[in-house]
Amino acid sequence: MSASAPHDDPASLRRLFPGFAEQRIGLGDGTVMRAVTGGSGPVVLLIHGYPETLVAWHRLAPVLARDHTVVAADLPGYGESRLSATSRSLTAPSRRAFAADLLEMMDRLGHRRFAVIGHDRGARAAFHMALAAPDRVAALASLTVIPTLDVWEAIDGRFALRAPHWFFFAQPAEVLERLLGPDPVAFLDHVLTGMAGGLDRLDPLALASYRAAFSRREVREAVYRDYRAALSVDLDDERAARTEGRRLACPVLYLWEAESPPADPLAVWRRWADTVSGAGIHGGHLQPEIGADEVLPQLLTFLAQALASDAVLGPA
């Protein structure tokens, strides 16, 4: 990373997450994860999606922190998390690797068992975390997404038009960099305009964070690896889990986009978990930001019920 590469402004981060502390957590392989932590009570991990950073949680995290210990982290390689040369998320990228890095980060923060709330790519990592470590994940909330395998089996032309980046980012990195490298912010702004319904709907400080991250080549390359893995190893892992009959041991909350609801919104998640609830949220894809006013009561009710009944955590 060059000395002139843009970074989040610490003052902006403090304004977006009042009372939170920014932390850099070193993993055993030399990877450094960035997180913000705040609050007290049962622990909740927040994992953002593409093309954002942990800043995506700025409307939800401070409210959740009134009754919970909140950890919001950059996905490995995204934002200002820095992968080492031997990082599993670099050498063998997958949702499994992302989940393992995040679990190790939570270990180093001293959190053994916790709820996970994920949006977009972060929700896919959260799903794999709950599958791999049922003793660690007390509850799972998935904002806007179902597991990758279920998406893949339902893909049609409408999906391809709505989410062309699934296939675009699967192309060779050197080709993608020739196309995006000259003006990555223009591409990012185009994507966020579609997701948010206009850049003016995003907090300017949050938008600056997303632009700063996507301006760095190593972050863009992490995105490319992420999407390539989604169409290869992640599908293999989820097929194996389905064949073996593995299911989630924790309750699941699924919040879908109310403007384009699935035919039976909860049916897919009931294939993977016994306790499933959910609701449609207005405002499009960026639920943690645009739909925060509707998302928040859903999360608070879900966490209160799920964590109060958790035998390990005890009452929330």
C-alpha atoms as a PDB file:
ATOM      1  CA  MET A   1       0.000   0.000   0.000  1.00  0.00           C
ATOM      2  CA  SER A   2       1.464   3.328  -0.991  1.00  0.00           C
ATOM      3  CA  ALA A   3       1.912   6.153   1.504  1.00  0.00           C
ATOM      4  CA  SER A   4      -0.553   8.286  -0.446  1.00  0.00           C
ATOM      5  CA  ALA A   5      -3.336   5.678  -0.493  1.00  0.00           C
ATOM      6  CA  PRO A   6      -6.549   7.157   0.970  1.00  0.00           C
ATOM      7  CA  HIS A   7      -7.781   6.054   4.395  1.00  0.00           C
ATOM      8  CA  ASP A   8     -10.734   6.729   6.637  1.00  0.00           C
ATOM      9  CA  ASP A   9     -10.434   9.931   8.624  1.00  0.00           C
ATOM     10  CA  PRO A  10     -10.299   9.009  12.363  1.00  0.00           C
ATOM     11  CA  ALA A  11     -12.402  12.066  13.229  1.00  0.00           C
ATOM     12  CA  SER A  12     -15.076  10.957  10.766  1.00  0.00           C
ATOM     13  CA  LEU A  13     -15.097   7.473  12.279  1.00  0.00           C
ATOM     14  CA  ARG A  14     -15.600   8.968  15.753  1.00  0.00           C
ATOM     15  CA  ARG A  15     -18.506  11.059  14.469  1.00  0.00           C
ATOM     16  CA  LEU A  16     -20.170   8.048  12.885  1.00  0.00           C
ATOM     17  CA  PHE A  17     -19.563   5.755  15.885  1.00  0.00           C
ATOM     18  CA  PRO A  18     -19.720   7.958  19.011  1.00  0.00           C
ATOM     19  CA  GLY A  19     -18.323   6.225  22.056  1.00  0.00           C
ATOM     20  CA  PHE A  20     -16.750   3.408  20.013  1.00  0.00           C
ATOM     21  CA  ALA A  21     -13.061   2.536  19.947  1.00  0.00           C
ATOM     22  CA  GLU A  22     -11.231   1.744  16.710  1.00  0.00           C
ATOM     23  CA  GLN A  23      -9.019  -1.350  16.991  1.00  0.00           C
ATOM     24  CA  ARG A  24      -6.482  -3.190  14.849  1.00  0.00           C
ATOM     25  CA  ILE A  25      -6.458  -6.884  15.744  1.00  0.00           C
ATOM     26  CA  GLY A  26      -3.515  -9.004  14.650  1.00  0.00           C
ATOM     27  CA  LEU A  27      -4.151 -12.633  13.657  1.00  0.00           C
ATOM     28  CA  GLY A  28      -1.673 -15.473  13.917  1.00  0.00           C
ATOM     29  CA  ASP A  29      -0.692 -15.321  10.238  1.00  0.00           C
ATOM     30  CA  GLY A  30       0.101 -11.600  10.366  1.00  0.00           C
ATOM     31  CA  THR A  31      -3.240 -10.411   8.976  1.00  0.00           C
ATOM     32  CA  VAL A  32      -4.524  -7.265  10.683  1.00  0.00           C
ATOM     33  CA  MET A  33      -8.270  -6.837  11.060  1.00  0.00           C
ATOM     34  CA  ARG A  34      -9.903  -3.454  11.663  1.00  0.00           C
ATOM     35  CA  ALA A  35     -12.925  -3.165  13.933  1.00  0.00           C
ATOM     36  CA  VAL A  36     -14.813  -0.650  16.014  1.00  0.00           C
ATOM     37  CA  THR A  37     -16.158  -1.765  19.400  1.00  0.00           C
ATOM     38  CA  GLY A  38     -18.597  -0.207  21.823  1.00  0.00           C
ATOM     39  CA  GLY A  39     -21.353  -0.815  24.341  1.00  0.00           C
ATOM     40  CA  SER A  40     -21.866  -3.554  26.922  1.00  0.00           C
ATOM     41  CA  GLY A  41     -24.013  -6.644  27.264  1.00  0.00           C
ATOM     42  CA  PRO A  42     -24.443  -9.711  25.025  1.00  0.00           C
ATOM     43  CA  VAL A  43     -22.016  -9.580  22.107  1.00  0.00           C
ATOM     44  CA  VAL A  44     -23.115  -8.821  18.539  1.00  0.00           C
ATOM     45  CA  LEU A  45     -20.775  -8.983  15.519  1.00  0.00           C
ATOM     46  CA  LEU A  46     -21.704  -6.838  12.498  1.00  0.00           C
ATOM     47  CA  ILE A  47     -20.297  -7.806   9.069  1.00  0.00           C
ATOM     48  CA  HIS A  48     -20.761  -5.468   6.098  1.00  0.00           C
ATOM     49  CA  GLY A  49     -21.146  -6.249   2.401  1.00  0.00           C
ATOM     50  CA  TYR A  50     -19.894  -5.129  -1.025  1.00  0.00           C
ATOM     51  CA  PRO A  51     -18.879  -2.425  -1.871  1.00  0.00           C
ATOM     52  CA  GLU A  52     -18.762  -1.020   1.639  1.00  0.00           C
ATOM     53  CA  THR A  53     -16.700  -1.044   4.835  1.00  0.00           C
ATOM     54  CA  LEU A  54     -17.605  -1.411   8.498  1.00  0.00           C
ATOM     55  CA  VAL A  55     -18.849   2.187   8.282  1.00  0.00           C
ATOM     56  CA  ALA A  56     -22.054   0.747   6.743  1.00  0.00           C
ATOM     57  CA  TRP A  57     -23.271   0.079  10.300  1.00  0.00           C
ATOM     58  CA  HIS A  58     -23.083   3.691  11.476  1.00  0.00           C
ATOM     59  CA  ARG A  59     -26.866   4.048  11.820  1.00  0.00           C
ATOM     60  CA  LEU A  60     -27.421   0.736  13.632  1.00  0.00           C
ATOM     61  CA  ALA A  61     -24.331   0.138  15.775  1.00  0.00           C
ATOM     62  CA  PRO A  62     -24.731   3.072  18.215  1.00  0.00           C
ATOM     63  CA  VAL A  63     -28.335   2.077  19.003  1.00  0.00           C
ATOM     64  CA  LEU A  64     -27.497  -1.625  19.362  1.00  0.00           C
ATOM     65  CA  ALA A  65     -24.650  -0.641  21.718  1.00  0.00           C
ATOM     66  CA  ARG A  66     -27.135   0.660  24.288  1.00  0.00           C
ATOM     67  CA  ASP A  67     -27.834  -2.940  25.345  1.00  0.00           C
ATOM     68  CA  HIS A  68     -25.116  -4.979  23.601  1.00  0.00           C
ATOM     69  CA  THR A  69     -21.380  -5.180  23.159  1.00  0.00           C
ATOM     70  CA  VAL A  70     -21.071  -4.360  19.463  1.00  0.00           C
ATOM     71  CA  VAL A  71     -18.156  -5.278  17.192  1.00  0.00           C
ATOM     72  CA  ALA A  72     -18.271  -4.012  13.599  1.00  0.00           C
ATOM     73  CA  ALA A  73     -15.417  -5.314  11.436  1.00  0.00           C
ATOM     74  CA  ASP A  74     -14.097  -4.886   7.923  1.00  0.00           C
ATOM     75  CA  LEU A  75     -14.281  -8.108   5.941  1.00  0.00           C
ATOM     76  CA  PRO A  76     -10.793  -9.586   5.392  1.00  0.00           C
ATOM     77  CA  GLY A  77      -9.144  -7.557   2.622  1.00  0.00           C
ATOM     78  CA  TYR A  78     -11.955  -4.985   2.521  1.00  0.00           C
ATOM     79  CA  GLY A  79     -11.870  -1.522   4.066  1.00  0.00           C
ATOM     80  CA  GLU A  80      -8.726  -1.192   6.147  1.00  0.00           C
ATOM     81  CA  SER A  81      -8.234  -4.828   7.117  1.00  0.00           C
ATOM     82  CA  ARG A  82      -4.825  -5.855   5.791  1.00  0.00           C
ATOM     83  CA  LEU A  83      -4.091  -9.409   4.608  1.00  0.00           C
ATOM     84  CA  SER A  84      -0.676 -10.952   5.148  1.00  0.00           C
ATOM     85  CA  ALA A  85       1.107 -12.845   2.365  1.00  0.00           C
ATOM     86  CA  THR A  86       0.107 -16.137   4.016  1.00  0.00           C
ATOM     87  CA  SER A  87      -3.473 -15.178   4.876  1.00  0.00           C
ATOM     88  CA  ARG A  88      -6.014 -17.916   4.166  1.00  0.00           C
ATOM     89  CA  SER A  89      -8.326 -15.202   2.806  1.00  0.00           C
ATOM     90  CA  LEU A  90      -5.611 -14.378   0.254  1.00  0.00           C
ATOM     91  CA  THR A  91      -4.130 -17.795  -0.586  1.00  0.00           C
ATOM     92  CA  ALA A  92      -7.394 -19.804  -0.464  1.00  0.00           C
ATOM     93  CA  PRO A  93     -10.237 -17.258  -0.472  1.00  0.00           C
ATOM     94  CA  SER A  94     -13.703 -18.467   0.453  1.00  0.00           C
ATOM     95  CA  ARG A  95     -16.539 -17.716   2.840  1.00  0.00           C
ATOM     96  CA  ARG A  96     -14.964 -20.420   5.043  1.00  0.00           C
ATOM     97  CA  ALA A  97     -11.717 -18.421   5.180  1.00  0.00           C
ATOM     98  CA  PHE A  98     -13.541 -15.159   5.894  1.00  0.00           C
ATOM     99  CA  ALA A  99     -15.449 -16.852   8.707  1.00  0.00           C
ATOM    100  CA  ALA A 100     -12.261 -18.327  10.169  1.00  0.00           C
ATOM    101  CA  ASP A 101     -10.524 -14.925  10.163  1.00  0.00           C
ATOM    102  CA  LEU A 102     -13.504 -13.284  11.844  1.00  0.00           C
ATOM    103  CA  LEU A 103     -13.755 -16.063  14.443  1.00  0.00           C
ATOM    104  CA  GLU A 104     -10.061 -15.677  15.250  1.00  0.00           C
ATOM    105  CA  MET A 105     -10.548 -11.920  15.554  1.00  0.00           C
ATOM    106  CA  MET A 106     -13.407 -12.459  18.011  1.00  0.00           C
ATOM    107  CA  ASP A 107     -11.230 -14.880  20.001  1.00  0.00           C
ATOM    108  CA  ARG A 108      -8.540 -12.238  20.304  1.00  0.00           C
ATOM    109  CA  LEU A 109     -11.136  -9.725  21.454  1.00  0.00           C
ATOM    110  CA  GLY A 110     -12.195 -12.208  24.145  1.00  0.00           C
ATOM    111  CA  HIS A 111     -15.634 -13.058  22.739  1.00  0.00           C
ATOM    112  CA  ARG A 112     -16.433 -16.762  22.728  1.00  0.00           C
ATOM    113  CA  ARG A 113     -20.143 -16.752  21.855  1.00  0.00           C
ATOM    114  CA  PHE A 114     -22.116 -14.032  20.116  1.00  0.00           C
ATOM    115  CA  ALA A 115     -24.860 -13.123  17.658  1.00  0.00           C
ATOM    116  CA  VAL A 116     -23.905 -12.262  14.079  1.00  0.00           C
ATOM    117  CA  ILE A 117     -25.661  -9.750  11.834  1.00  0.00           C
ATOM    118  CA  GLY A 118     -24.474  -9.716   8.242  1.00  0.00           C
ATOM    119  CA  HIS A 119     -25.439  -7.768   5.147  1.00  0.00           C
ATOM    120  CA  ASP A 120     -24.760  -8.845   1.562  1.00  0.00           C
ATOM    121  CA  ARG A 121     -21.298 -10.514   1.390  1.00  0.00           C
ATOM    122  CA  GLY A 122     -21.046 -10.246   5.157  1.00  0.00           C
ATOM    123  CA  ALA A 123     -24.219 -12.277   5.577  1.00  0.00           C
ATOM    124  CA  ARG A 124     -22.719 -15.019   3.407  1.00  0.00           C
ATOM    125  CA  ALA A 125     -19.646 -15.117   5.650  1.00  0.00           C
ATOM    126  CA  ALA A 126     -21.933 -15.146   8.700  1.00  0.00           C
ATOM    127  CA  PHE A 127     -23.831 -18.136   7.293  1.00  0.00           C
ATOM    128  CA  HIS A 128     -20.619 -20.118   6.865  1.00  0.00           C
ATOM    129  CA  MET A 129     -19.532 -19.095  10.353  1.00  0.00           C
ATOM    130  CA  ALA A 130     -22.771 -20.423  11.841  1.00  0.00           C
ATOM    131  CA  LEU A 131     -22.410 -23.682   9.873  1.00  0.00           C
ATOM    132  CA  ALA A 132     -18.786 -24.206  10.860  1.00  0.00           C
ATOM    133  CA  ALA A 133     -18.960 -23.073  14.494  1.00  0.00           C
ATOM    134  CA  PRO A 134     -22.409 -23.676  15.985  1.00  0.00           C
ATOM    135  CA  ASP A 135     -20.893 -23.452  19.457  1.00  0.00           C
ATOM    136  CA  ARG A 136     -19.820 -19.863  18.729  1.00  0.00           C
ATOM    137  CA  VAL A 137     -22.843 -18.362  16.936  1.00  0.00           C
ATOM    138  CA  ALA A 138     -25.908 -17.828  19.125  1.00  0.00           C
ATOM    139  CA  ALA A 139     -28.069 -16.147  16.472  1.00  0.00           C
ATOM    140  CA  LEU A 140     -27.817 -15.160  12.804  1.00  0.00           C
ATOM    141  CA  ALA A 141     -29.495 -12.224  11.052  1.00  0.00           C
ATOM    142  CA  SER A 142     -29.109 -12.131   7.260  1.00  0.00           C
ATOM    143  CA  LEU A 143     -29.904  -8.796   5.629  1.00  0.00           C
ATOM    144  CA  THR A 144     -31.000  -9.086   1.959  1.00  0.00           C
ATOM    145  CA  VAL A 145     -29.412 -12.452   1.073  1.00  0.00           C
ATOM    146  CA  ILE A 146     -29.974 -16.190   1.043  1.00  0.00           C
ATOM    147  CA  PRO A 147     -27.109 -18.731   0.827  1.00  0.00           C
ATOM    148  CA  THR A 148     -25.057 -18.615  -2.377  1.00  0.00           C
ATOM    149  CA  LEU A 149     -26.035 -22.095  -3.532  1.00  0.00           C
ATOM    150  CA  ASP A 150     -29.723 -21.225  -3.374  1.00  0.00           C
ATOM    151  CA  VAL A 151     -29.063 -18.044  -5.366  1.00  0.00           C
ATOM    152  CA  TRP A 152     -27.072 -19.970  -7.973  1.00  0.00           C
ATOM    153  CA  GLU A 153     -29.839 -22.506  -8.493  1.00  0.00           C
ATOM    154  CA  ALA A 154     -32.385 -19.721  -9.061  1.00  0.00           C
ATOM    155  CA  ILE A 155     -30.322 -17.428 -11.329  1.00  0.00           C
ATOM    156  CA  ASP A 156     -32.061 -16.228 -14.465  1.00  0.00           C
ATOM    157  CA  GLY A 157     -31.705 -13.341 -16.897  1.00  0.00           C
ATOM    158  CA  ARG A 158     -33.402 -10.908 -14.529  1.00  0.00           C
ATOM    159  CA  PHE A 159     -30.847 -11.660 -11.834  1.00  0.00           C
ATOM    160  CA  ALA A 160     -27.980 -11.253 -14.307  1.00  0.00           C
ATOM    161  CA  LEU A 161     -29.248  -7.793 -15.247  1.00  0.00           C
ATOM    162  CA  ARG A 162     -29.779  -6.805 -11.623  1.00  0.00           C
ATOM    163  CA  ALA A 163     -26.410  -8.121 -10.380  1.00  0.00           C
ATOM    164  CA  PRO A 164     -23.953  -8.221 -13.306  1.00  0.00           C
ATOM    165  CA  HIS A 165     -20.982  -7.828 -10.923  1.00  0.00           C
ATOM    166  CA  TRP A 166     -21.417 -11.496  -9.879  1.00  0.00           C
ATOM    167  CA  PHE A 167     -20.081 -12.464 -13.295  1.00  0.00           C
ATOM    168  CA  PHE A 168     -17.976  -9.383 -14.056  1.00  0.00           C
ATOM    169  CA  PHE A 169     -15.819  -9.832 -10.941  1.00  0.00           C
ATOM    170  CA  ALA A 170     -15.250 -13.483 -11.788  1.00  0.00           C
ATOM    171  CA  GLN A 171     -13.063 -12.399 -14.731  1.00  0.00           C
ATOM    172  CA  PRO A 172      -9.224 -12.348 -14.457  1.00  0.00           C
ATOM    173  CA  ALA A 173      -7.945  -9.637 -12.127  1.00  0.00           C
ATOM    174  CA  GLU A 174      -5.602  -8.144 -14.712  1.00  0.00           C
ATOM    175  CA  VAL A 175      -8.521  -7.595 -17.099  1.00  0.00           C
ATOM    176  CA  LEU A 176     -10.657  -6.065 -14.369  1.00  0.00           C
ATOM    177  CA  GLU A 177      -7.864  -3.707 -13.335  1.00  0.00           C
ATOM    178  CA  ARG A 178      -7.438  -2.434 -16.895  1.00  0.00           C
ATOM    179  CA  LEU A 179     -11.114  -1.536 -16.864  1.00  0.00           C
ATOM    180  CA  LEU A 180     -11.534  -0.251 -13.303  1.00  0.00           C
ATOM    181  CA  GLY A 181      -8.052   0.914 -12.363  1.00  0.00           C
ATOM    182  CA  PRO A 182      -8.110   4.240 -14.254  1.00  0.00           C
ATOM    183  CA  ASP A 183     -11.200   5.523 -12.398  1.00  0.00           C
ATOM    184  CA  PRO A 184     -12.421   3.141  -9.679  1.00  0.00           C
ATOM    185  CA  VAL A 185     -14.488   5.814  -7.918  1.00  0.00           C
ATOM    186  CA  ALA A 186     -16.627   6.361 -11.035  1.00  0.00           C
ATOM    187  CA  PHE A 187     -17.460   2.651 -11.077  1.00  0.00           C
ATOM    188  CA  LEU A 188     -18.132   2.603  -7.323  1.00  0.00           C
ATOM    189  CA  ASP A 189     -20.427   5.615  -7.548  1.00  0.00           C
ATOM    190  CA  HIS A 190     -22.379   3.929 -10.349  1.00  0.00           C
ATOM    191  CA  VAL A 191     -22.848   0.796  -8.201  1.00  0.00           C
ATOM    192  CA  LEU A 192     -23.832   2.734  -5.070  1.00  0.00           C
ATOM    193  CA  THR A 193     -26.236   4.951  -7.020  1.00  0.00           C
ATOM    194  CA  GLY A 194     -28.123   1.852  -8.106  1.00  0.00           C
ATOM    195  CA  MET A 195     -28.075   0.282  -4.657  1.00  0.00           C
ATOM    196  CA  ALA A 196     -29.032   3.434  -2.740  1.00  0.00           C
ATOM    197  CA  GLY A 197     -31.286   5.118  -5.274  1.00  0.00           C
ATOM    198  CA  GLY A 198     -28.940   8.113  -5.357  1.00  0.00           C
ATOM    199  CA  LEU A 199     -25.645   9.024  -3.683  1.00  0.00           C
ATOM    200  CA  ASP A 200     -27.376  11.797  -1.770  1.00  0.00           C
ATOM    201  CA  ARG A 201     -29.130   9.115   0.304  1.00  0.00           C
ATOM    202  CA  LEU A 202     -25.790   8.041   1.807  1.00  0.00           C
ATOM    203  CA  ASP A 203     -24.036   9.844   4.637  1.00  0.00           C
ATOM    204  CA  PRO A 204     -21.163  11.844   3.055  1.00  0.00           C
ATOM    205  CA  LEU A 205     -18.712  10.461   5.617  1.00  0.00           C
ATOM    206  CA  ALA A 206     -19.756   6.902   4.805  1.00  0.00           C
ATOM    207  CA  LEU A 207     -19.490   7.553   1.075  1.00  0.00           C
ATOM    208  CA  ALA A 208     -15.980   8.923   1.601  1.00  0.00           C
ATOM    209  CA  SER A 209     -15.027   5.689   3.401  1.00  0.00           C
ATOM    210  CA  TYR A 210     -16.290   3.520   0.545  1.00  0.00           C
ATOM    211  CA  ARG A 211     -14.504   5.643  -2.033  1.00  0.00           C
ATOM    212  CA  ALA A 212     -11.238   5.594  -0.092  1.00  0.00           C
ATOM    213  CA  ALA A 213     -11.323   1.803   0.217  1.00  0.00           C
ATOM    214  CA  PHE A 214     -12.244   1.054  -3.406  1.00  0.00           C
ATOM    215  CA  SER A 215      -9.535   3.449  -4.591  1.00  0.00           C
ATOM    216  CA  ARG A 216      -6.917   0.996  -3.289  1.00  0.00           C
ATOM    217  CA  ARG A 217      -5.977  -1.777  -5.687  1.00  0.00           C
ATOM    218  CA  GLU A 218      -5.509  -4.364  -2.917  1.00  0.00           C
ATOM    219  CA  VAL A 219      -9.111  -3.826  -1.814  1.00  0.00           C
ATOM    220  CA  ARG A 220     -10.431  -4.196  -5.358  1.00  0.00           C
ATOM    221  CA  GLU A 221      -8.443  -7.407  -5.746  1.00  0.00           C
ATOM    222  CA  ALA A 222      -9.953  -8.722  -2.505  1.00  0.00           C
ATOM    223  CA  VAL A 223     -13.383  -8.066  -4.034  1.00  0.00           C
ATOM    224  CA  TYR A 224     -12.436  -9.972  -7.188  1.00  0.00           C
ATOM    225  CA  ARG A 225     -11.218 -12.960  -5.145  1.00  0.00           C
ATOM    226  CA  ASP A 226     -14.391 -12.848  -3.094  1.00  0.00           C
ATOM    227  CA  TYR A 227     -16.674 -13.110  -6.107  1.00  0.00           C
ATOM    228  CA  ARG A 228     -14.568 -15.753  -7.865  1.00  0.00           C
ATOM    229  CA  ALA A 229     -14.743 -17.885  -4.725  1.00  0.00           C
ATOM    230  CA  ALA A 230     -18.524 -17.430  -4.579  1.00  0.00           C
ATOM    231  CA  LEU A 231     -18.886 -19.177  -7.938  1.00  0.00           C
ATOM    232  CA  SER A 232     -16.485 -22.012  -7.125  1.00  0.00           C
ATOM    233  CA  VAL A 233     -15.351 -23.130  -3.681  1.00  0.00           C
ATOM    234  CA  ASP A 234     -18.294 -21.559  -1.846  1.00  0.00           C
ATOM    235  CA  LEU A 235     -20.748 -23.477  -4.013  1.00  0.00           C
ATOM    236  CA  ASP A 236     -18.808 -26.693  -3.388  1.00  0.00           C
ATOM    237  CA  ASP A 237     -18.839 -26.088   0.375  1.00  0.00           C
ATOM    238  CA  GLU A 238     -22.566 -25.427   0.444  1.00  0.00           C
ATOM    239  CA  ARG A 239     -23.350 -28.440  -1.747  1.00  0.00           C
ATOM    240  CA  ALA A 240     -21.361 -30.601   0.659  1.00  0.00           C
ATOM    241  CA  ALA A 241     -23.191 -29.141   3.655  1.00  0.00           C
ATOM    242  CA  ARG A 242     -26.554 -29.803   2.030  1.00  0.00           C
ATOM    243  CA  THR A 243     -25.594 -33.372   1.050  1.00  0.00           C
ATOM    244  CA  GLU A 244     -24.386 -34.062   4.593  1.00  0.00           C
ATOM    245  CA  GLY A 245     -27.587 -32.638   6.039  1.00  0.00           C
ATOM    246  CA  ARG A 246     -25.832 -29.952   8.057  1.00  0.00           C
ATOM    247  CA  ARG A 247     -28.157 -27.303   9.428  1.00  0.00           C
ATOM    248  CA  LEU A 248     -27.853 -24.182  11.512  1.00  0.00           C
ATOM    249  CA  ALA A 249     -28.238 -24.720  15.236  1.00  0.00           C
ATOM    250  CA  CYS A 250     -29.153 -21.069  15.902  1.00  0.00           C
ATOM    251  CA  PRO A 251     -32.293 -19.037  15.149  1.00  0.00           C
ATOM    252  CA  VAL A 252     -32.244 -17.074  11.878  1.00  0.00           C
ATOM    253  CA  LEU A 253     -33.736 -13.696  10.989  1.00  0.00           C
ATOM    254  CA  TYR A 254     -33.999 -12.907   7.269  1.00  0.00           C
ATOM    255  CA  LEU A 255     -34.828  -9.378   6.111  1.00  0.00           C
ATOM    256  CA  TRP A 256     -35.576  -9.159   2.394  1.00  0.00           C
ATOM    257  CA  GLU A 257     -36.086  -6.231   0.048  1.00  0.00           C
ATOM    258  CA  ALA A 258     -39.800  -5.386   0.203  1.00  0.00           C
ATOM    259  CA  GLU A 259     -39.749  -3.896  -3.310  1.00  0.00           C
ATOM    260  CA  SER A 260     -38.795  -7.256  -4.857  1.00  0.00           C
ATOM    261  CA  PRO A 261     -39.883  -9.980  -2.417  1.00  0.00           C
ATOM    262  CA  PRO A 262     -39.121 -13.648  -3.082  1.00  0.00           C
ATOM    263  CA  ALA A 263     -42.142 -15.860  -3.812  1.00  0.00           C
ATOM    264  CA  ASP A 264     -41.881 -17.495  -0.371  1.00  0.00           C
ATOM    265  CA  PRO A 265     -39.333 -15.371   1.519  1.00  0.00           C
ATOM    266  CA  LEU A 266     -38.607 -17.755   4.394  1.00  0.00           C
ATOM    267  CA  ALA A 267     -38.742 -21.047   2.478  1.00  0.00           C
ATOM    268  CA  VAL A 268     -35.028 -21.111   1.588  1.00  0.00           C
ATOM    269  CA  TRP A 269     -33.836 -20.426   5.109  1.00  0.00           C
ATOM    270  CA  ARG A 270     -36.138 -23.157   6.461  1.00  0.00           C
ATOM    271  CA  ARG A 271     -34.090 -25.625   4.410  1.00  0.00           C
ATOM    272  CA  TRP A 272     -31.102 -24.641   6.541  1.00  0.00           C
ATOM    273  CA  ALA A 273     -32.562 -23.870   9.979  1.00  0.00           C
ATOM    274  CA  ASP A 274     -35.456 -24.876  12.225  1.00  0.00           C
ATOM    275  CA  THR A 275     -36.180 -21.456  13.740  1.00  0.00           C
ATOM    276  CA  VAL A 276     -36.662 -18.810  11.044  1.00  0.00           C
ATOM    277  CA  SER A 277     -38.419 -15.439  11.070  1.00  0.00           C
ATOM    278  CA  GLY A 278     -38.292 -12.390   8.842  1.00  0.00           C
ATOM    279  CA  ALA A 279     -39.846  -9.331   7.246  1.00  0.00           C
ATOM    280  CA  GLY A 280     -39.684  -7.200   4.131  1.00  0.00           C
ATOM    281  CA  ILE A 281     -37.744  -3.937   4.501  1.00  0.00           C
ATOM    282  CA  HIS A 282     -38.319  -0.878   2.297  1.00  0.00           C
ATOM    283  CA  GLY A 283     -35.512   1.180   0.813  1.00  0.00           C
ATOM    284  CA  GLY A 284     -33.700  -1.256  -1.461  1.00  0.00           C
ATOM    285  CA  HIS A 285     -30.501  -3.197  -0.984  1.00  0.00           C
ATOM    286  CA  LEU A 286     -28.570  -1.051   1.496  1.00  0.00           C
ATOM    287  CA  GLN A 287     -30.690  -1.986   4.485  1.00  0.00           C
ATOM    288  CA  PRO A 288     -28.229  -0.984   7.251  1.00  0.00           C
ATOM    289  CA  GLU A 289     -28.279   2.576   5.921  1.00  0.00           C
ATOM    290  CA  ILE A 290     -31.334   3.344   3.778  1.00  0.00           C
ATOM    291  CA  GLY A 291     -33.644   0.951   5.650  1.00  0.00           C
ATOM    292  CA  ALA A 292     -32.229   1.425   9.150  1.00  0.00           C
ATOM    293  CA  ASP A 293     -35.478   2.716  10.684  1.00  0.00           C
ATOM    294  CA  GLU A 294     -37.291  -0.504   9.709  1.00  0.00           C
ATOM    295  CA  VAL A 295     -34.337  -2.819  10.304  1.00  0.00           C
ATOM    296  CA  LEU A 296     -33.626  -1.684  13.854  1.00  0.00           C
ATOM    297  CA  PRO A 297     -36.862  -2.817  15.571  1.00  0.00           C
ATOM    298  CA  GLN A 298     -36.626  -6.160  13.778  1.00  0.00           C
ATOM    299  CA  LEU A 299     -33.073  -6.675  15.052  1.00  0.00           C
ATOM    300  CA  LEU A 300     -33.835  -5.577  18.601  1.00  0.00           C
ATOM    301  CA  THR A 301     -36.798  -7.943  18.898  1.00  0.00           C
ATOM    302  CA  PHE A 302     -34.882 -10.831  17.343  1.00  0.00           C
ATOM    303  CA  LEU A 303     -31.811 -10.349  19.544  1.00  0.00           C
ATOM    304  CA  ALA A 304     -33.879 -10.012  22.707  1.00  0.00           C
ATOM    305  CA  GLN A 305     -35.659 -13.291  22.001  1.00  0.00           C
ATOM    306  CA  ALA A 306     -32.703 -15.252  20.649  1.00  0.00           C
ATOM    307  CA  LEU A 307     -30.137 -14.200  23.237  1.00  0.00           C
ATOM    308  CA  ALA A 308     -32.496 -14.441  26.211  1.00  0.00           C
ATOM    309  CA  SER A 309     -33.150 -18.076  25.359  1.00  0.00           C
ATOM    310  CA  ASP A 310     -29.519 -18.951  24.628  1.00  0.00           C
ATOM    311  CA  ALA A 311     -28.299 -21.475  27.175  1.00  0.00           C
ATOM    312  CA  VAL A 312     -24.690 -20.227  27.002  1.00  0.00           C
ATOM    313  CA  LEU A 313     -25.245 -16.471  26.991  1.00  0.00           C
ATOM    314  CA  GLY A 314     -28.152 -16.477  29.410  1.00  0.00           C
ATOM    315  CA  PRO A 315     -30.551 -13.525  29.672  1.00  0.00           C
ATOM    316  CA  ALA A 316     -29.724 -10.597  27.396  1.00  0.00           C
END
